[in-house]
Amino acid sequence: FHHYMAFDGERPVAHAALYVADGIGYLGWMSTAQADRRRGAQQALIAARVETARSVSVDIIISETLTNIESSLGNLKRAGFRAVYDVEVYRSPDP
């Protein structure tokens, strides 16, 4: 596991992780503080994780996001990722 954080000065605004195993790098666990979205933090964290994955000889880099979160999907596409498949996401009803 590799963990990353983006800061505005000393204040953390976003975090992410890279998991590497068997030649595959998984970009996951991304989050940005609501007030700090659309400022480039996730794009920077994606780039840092891709760079790390390449430096440890990863063959395949994957990620996932909900397609209705257009900014997240757009960040991944700008970084060179492409959609391969869709899955339906279910949640339990509110109590």
Protein backbone atom coordinates (compact mmCIF):
# COMPACT_ATOMS: atom_id res chain seq x y z
CA PHE A 1 0.00 0.00 0.00
CA HIS A 2 1.09 3.54 -0.78
CA HIS A 3 -0.85 6.39 0.82
CA TYR A 4 -1.03 9.97 -0.46
CA MET A 5 -2.41 13.27 0.78
CA ALA A 6 -2.82 16.66 -0.88
CA PHE A 7 -2.53 19.79 1.23
CA ASP A 8 -3.50 23.44 1.03
CA GLY A 9 -0.69 24.84 3.12
CA GLU A 10 -0.75 22.66 6.21
CA ARG A 11 -4.41 21.67 5.82
CA PRO A 12 -5.10 18.26 4.24
CA VAL A 13 -7.70 18.49 1.46
CA ALA A 14 -7.59 15.08 -0.25
CA HIS A 15 -6.25 11.58 0.17
CA ALA A 16 -5.83 8.47 -1.95
CA ALA A 17 -4.11 5.10 -1.96
CA LEU A 18 -2.35 2.80 -4.38
CA TYR A 19 -2.38 -0.95 -3.79
CA VAL A 20 0.16 -3.02 -5.73
CA ALA A 21 0.11 -6.81 -6.06
CA ASP A 22 1.03 -9.32 -8.77
CA GLY A 23 1.94 -6.68 -11.35
CA ILE A 24 -1.34 -4.76 -10.92
CA GLY A 25 -1.72 -1.31 -9.40
CA TYR A 26 -5.14 -0.38 -8.02
CA LEU A 27 -5.90 3.32 -7.58
CA GLY A 28 -8.54 3.53 -4.91
CA TRP A 29 -9.82 5.08 -1.73
CA MET A 30 -9.93 8.61 -3.14
CA SER A 31 -11.64 11.45 -1.34
CA THR A 32 -11.55 15.24 -1.42
CA ALA A 33 -13.03 17.61 1.14
CA GLN A 34 -16.25 19.07 -0.24
CA ALA A 35 -15.03 22.68 -0.04
CA ASP A 36 -11.81 21.81 -1.88
CA ARG A 37 -13.22 19.97 -4.88
CA ARG A 38 -12.46 21.07 -8.45
CA ARG A 39 -9.03 22.46 -7.49
CA GLY A 40 -6.88 19.67 -8.99
CA ALA A 41 -6.09 17.64 -5.89
CA GLN A 42 -7.39 14.35 -7.25
CA GLN A 43 -5.73 14.89 -10.63
CA ALA A 44 -2.42 15.41 -8.82
CA LEU A 45 -2.97 12.32 -6.65
CA ILE A 46 -3.82 10.22 -9.71
CA ALA A 47 -0.59 11.37 -11.40
CA ALA A 48 1.49 10.63 -8.29
CA ARG A 49 0.04 7.13 -7.97
CA VAL A 50 0.54 6.34 -11.65
CA GLU A 51 4.15 7.50 -11.35
CA THR A 52 4.71 5.27 -8.31
CA ALA A 53 3.05 2.30 -10.04
CA ARG A 54 5.33 2.69 -13.04
CA SER A 55 8.40 3.01 -10.80
CA VAL A 56 7.67 -0.38 -9.20
CA SER A 57 7.16 -2.06 -12.60
CA VAL A 58 3.40 -2.45 -12.49
CA ASP A 59 2.05 -3.94 -15.75
CA ILE A 60 -1.59 -2.84 -15.39
CA ILE A 61 -3.10 0.09 -13.51
CA ILE A 62 -6.81 0.01 -12.69
CA SER A 63 -9.32 2.14 -10.83
CA GLU A 64 -13.04 2.46 -10.42
CA THR A 65 -15.55 5.21 -9.87
CA LEU A 66 -19.26 5.79 -10.13
CA THR A 67 -20.10 7.11 -13.59
CA ASN A 68 -22.57 9.57 -12.08
CA ILE A 69 -19.62 11.30 -10.36
CA GLU A 70 -18.60 13.02 -13.59
CA SER A 71 -15.61 14.85 -12.10
CA SER A 72 -14.04 11.62 -10.84
CA LEU A 73 -14.62 9.85 -14.13
CA GLY A 74 -13.26 12.87 -16.00
CA ASN A 75 -10.10 12.93 -13.86
CA LEU A 76 -9.39 9.30 -14.66
CA LYS A 77 -10.06 9.78 -18.37
CA ARG A 78 -7.74 12.82 -18.49
CA ALA A 79 -5.05 10.63 -16.93
CA GLY A 80 -5.43 8.11 -19.78
CA PHE A 81 -7.83 5.61 -18.21
CA ARG A 82 -10.77 4.27 -20.18
CA ALA A 83 -14.04 2.72 -19.10
CA VAL A 84 -14.02 -1.04 -19.56
CA TYR A 85 -17.29 -2.10 -17.96
CA ASP A 86 -20.22 -0.88 -15.86
CA VAL A 87 -21.73 -2.54 -12.81
CA GLU A 88 -24.96 -1.75 -11.03
CA VAL A 89 -24.56 -0.46 -7.51
CA TYR A 90 -27.24 -1.27 -4.97
CA ARG A 91 -27.83 0.14 -1.55
CA SER A 92 -30.22 -0.82 1.18
CA PRO A 93 -33.27 1.40 1.63
CA ASP A 94 -33.20 4.09 4.28
CA PRO A 95 -34.68 2.81 7.56
